C-alpha atoms as a PDB file:
ATOM      1  CA  UNK A   1    -101.443 177.452 -40.951  1.00  0.00           C
ATOM      2  CA  UNK A   2     -98.997 175.435 -38.851  1.00  0.00           C
ATOM      3  CA  UNK A   3     -97.758 176.910 -35.650  1.00  0.00           C
ATOM      4  CA  UNK A   4     -94.103 178.014 -35.512  1.00  0.00           C
ATOM      5  CA  UNK A   5     -91.801 175.731 -33.634  1.00  0.00           C
ATOM      6  CA  UNK A   6     -90.034 177.108 -30.682  1.00  0.00           C
ATOM      7  CA  UNK A   7     -86.674 176.214 -29.263  1.00  0.00           C
ATOM      8  CA  UNK A   8     -88.249 174.786 -26.148  1.00  0.00           C
ATOM      9  CA  UNK A   9     -90.428 172.505 -28.358  1.00  0.00           C
ATOM     10  CA  UNK A  10     -87.395 171.228 -30.124  1.00  0.00           C
ATOM     11  CA  UNK A  11     -85.506 170.610 -26.812  1.00  0.00           C
ATOM     12  CA  UNK A  12     -88.465 168.754 -25.493  1.00  0.00           C
ATOM     13  CA  UNK A  13     -88.655 166.552 -28.643  1.00  0.00           C
ATOM     14  CA  UNK A  14     -84.906 165.955 -28.437  1.00  0.00           C
ATOM     15  CA  UNK A  15     -85.132 164.847 -24.783  1.00  0.00           C
ATOM     16  CA  UNK A  16     -88.114 162.560 -25.537  1.00  0.00           C
ATOM     17  CA  UNK A  17     -86.250 160.866 -28.344  1.00  0.00           C
ATOM     18  CA  UNK A  18     -83.135 160.542 -26.250  1.00  0.00           C
ATOM     19  CA  UNK A  19     -85.073 159.004 -23.395  1.00  0.00           C
ATOM     20  CA  UNK A  20     -86.722 156.469 -25.743  1.00  0.00           C
ATOM     21  CA  UNK A  21     -83.329 155.570 -27.079  1.00  0.00           C
ATOM     22  CA  UNK A  22     -81.910 155.027 -23.553  1.00  0.00           C
ATOM     23  CA  UNK A  23     -84.954 152.718 -22.668  1.00  0.00           C
ATOM     24  CA  UNK A  24     -84.641 150.712 -25.867  1.00  0.00           C
ATOM     25  CA  UNK A  25     -80.885 150.262 -25.440  1.00  0.00           C
ATOM     26  CA  UNK A  26     -81.590 148.206 -22.281  1.00  0.00           C
ATOM     27  CA  UNK A  27     -83.911 145.774 -23.997  1.00  0.00           C
ATOM     28  CA  UNK A  28     -83.158 143.032 -26.463  1.00  0.00           C
ATOM     29  CA  UNK A  29     -85.434 142.246 -29.375  1.00  0.00           C
ATOM     30  CA  UNK A  30     -85.157 139.478 -31.871  1.00  0.00           C
ATOM     31  CA  UNK A  31     -83.455 139.932 -35.272  1.00  0.00           C
ATOM     32  CA  UNK A  32     -81.467 142.940 -34.106  1.00  0.00           C
ATOM     33  CA  UNK A  33     -84.489 145.228 -34.073  1.00  0.00           C
ATOM     34  CA  UNK A  34     -83.483 147.029 -30.932  1.00  0.00           C
ATOM     35  CA  UNK A  35     -80.104 147.879 -32.270  1.00  0.00           C
ATOM     36  CA  UNK A  36     -81.598 149.324 -35.441  1.00  0.00           C
ATOM     37  CA  UNK A  37     -84.161 151.320 -33.499  1.00  0.00           C
ATOM     38  CA  UNK A  38     -81.345 152.684 -31.363  1.00  0.00           C
ATOM     39  CA  UNK A  39     -79.507 153.757 -34.535  1.00  0.00           C
ATOM     40  CA  UNK A  40     -82.527 155.495 -35.874  1.00  0.00           C
ATOM     41  CA  UNK A  41     -83.294 157.248 -32.560  1.00  0.00           C
ATOM     42  CA  UNK A  42     -79.642 158.381 -32.448  1.00  0.00           C
ATOM     43  CA  UNK A  43     -79.997 159.827 -35.920  1.00  0.00           C
ATOM     44  CA  UNK A  44     -83.179 161.669 -34.753  1.00  0.00           C
ATOM     45  CA  UNK A  45     -81.358 163.074 -31.759  1.00  0.00           C
ATOM     46  CA  UNK A  46     -78.552 164.347 -33.938  1.00  0.00           C
ATOM     47  CA  UNK A  47     -81.117 165.952 -36.356  1.00  0.00           C
ATOM     48  CA  UNK A  48     -82.812 167.638 -33.459  1.00  0.00           C
ATOM     49  CA  UNK A  49     -79.421 168.942 -32.258  1.00  0.00           C
ATOM     50  CA  UNK A  50     -78.816 170.281 -35.693  1.00  0.00           C
ATOM     51  CA  UNK A  51     -82.134 172.015 -35.875  1.00  0.00           C
ATOM     52  CA  UNK A  52     -81.425 173.560 -32.447  1.00  0.00           C
ATOM     53  CA  UNK A  53     -78.073 174.919 -33.589  1.00  0.00           C
ATOM     54  CA  UNK A  54     -79.215 176.606 -36.832  1.00  0.00           C
ATOM     55  CA  UNK A  55     -80.799 180.026 -36.554  1.00  0.00           C
ATOM     56  CA  UNK A  56     -83.887 180.390 -38.719  1.00  0.00           C
ATOM     57  CA  UNK A  57     -82.826 183.969 -39.600  1.00  0.00           C
ATOM     58  CA  UNK A  58     -79.494 182.760 -40.901  1.00  0.00           C
ATOM     59  CA  UNK A  59     -81.263 180.318 -43.237  1.00  0.00           C
ATOM     60  CA  UNK A  60     -83.631 183.060 -44.573  1.00  0.00           C
ATOM     61  CA  UNK A  61     -80.738 185.535 -44.932  1.00  0.00           C
ATOM     62  CA  UNK A  62     -78.941 183.222 -47.331  1.00  0.00           C
ATOM     63  CA  UNK A  63     -81.985 183.325 -49.754  1.00  0.00           C
ATOM     64  CA  UNK A  64     -82.528 187.010 -49.732  1.00  0.00           C
ATOM     65  CA  UNK A  65     -80.169 188.317 -52.428  1.00  0.00           C
ATOM     66  CA  UNK A  66     -80.750 185.353 -54.805  1.00  0.00           C
ATOM     67  CA  UNK A  67     -84.523 185.647 -54.599  1.00  0.00           C
ATOM     68  CA  UNK A  68     -84.355 189.434 -55.213  1.00  0.00           C
ATOM     69  CA  UNK A  69     -82.036 188.814 -58.215  1.00  0.00           C
ATOM     70  CA  UNK A  70     -84.498 186.328 -59.677  1.00  0.00           C
ATOM     71  CA  UNK A  71     -87.242 188.945 -59.789  1.00  0.00           C
ATOM     72  CA  UNK A  72     -85.183 191.603 -61.626  1.00  0.00           C
ATOM     73  CA  UNK A  73     -85.616 195.311 -61.893  1.00  0.00           C
ATOM     74  CA  UNK A  74     -88.838 195.061 -63.910  1.00  0.00           C
ATOM     75  CA  UNK A  75     -90.686 193.501 -60.972  1.00  0.00           C
ATOM     76  CA  UNK A  76     -89.793 196.306 -58.652  1.00  0.00           C
ATOM     77  CA  UNK A  77     -90.698 198.887 -61.337  1.00  0.00           C
ATOM     78  CA  UNK A  78     -94.105 197.294 -61.695  1.00  0.00           C
ATOM     79  CA  UNK A  79     -94.642 197.425 -57.950  1.00  0.00           C
ATOM     80  CA  UNK A  80     -93.626 201.048 -57.810  1.00  0.00           C
ATOM     81  CA  UNK A  81     -96.061 201.841 -60.666  1.00  0.00           C
ATOM     82  CA  UNK A  82     -98.906 200.312 -58.690  1.00  0.00           C
ATOM     83  CA  UNK A  83     -98.393 202.612 -55.714  1.00  0.00           C
ATOM     84  CA  UNK A  84    -100.859 205.484 -55.415  1.00  0.00           C
ATOM     85  CA  UNK A  85     -98.338 207.805 -53.743  1.00  0.00           C
ATOM     86  CA  UNK A  86     -94.763 207.903 -55.007  1.00  0.00           C
ATOM     87  CA  UNK A  87     -93.282 209.603 -51.987  1.00  0.00           C
ATOM     88  CA  UNK A  88     -90.897 206.897 -50.790  1.00  0.00           C
ATOM     89  CA  UNK A  89     -87.232 206.823 -50.263  1.00  0.00           C
ATOM     90  CA  UNK A  90     -84.811 209.413 -49.002  1.00  0.00           C
ATOM     91  CA  UNK A  91     -85.672 213.031 -49.380  1.00  0.00           C
ATOM     92  CA  UNK A  92     -83.788 215.016 -52.045  1.00  0.00           C
ATOM     93  CA  UNK A  93     -80.699 216.878 -50.988  1.00  0.00           C
ATOM     94  CA  UNK A  94     -81.154 220.680 -50.788  1.00  0.00           C
ATOM     95  CA  UNK A  95     -78.490 222.466 -52.772  1.00  0.00           C
END
């Protein structure tokens, strides 16, 4: 199982990429290689910025309703039938 990425890890990665881009922008390589490498590193910095701005909970929240809808009521009825005790949910109202 892969470890979860933390915001600090992403910030560190972004800073490393940015520093590499700054170093590479001061050098000149043949055939325009340094310019292309700078473009790629800039794209990587922007991707890291985007990953830092998006909340993982927001991404998961978007899927919740659609994934539940795919399963349908039969799935949940089957799960309920597998339970040994059927005492879930709210208590009945006393009249």
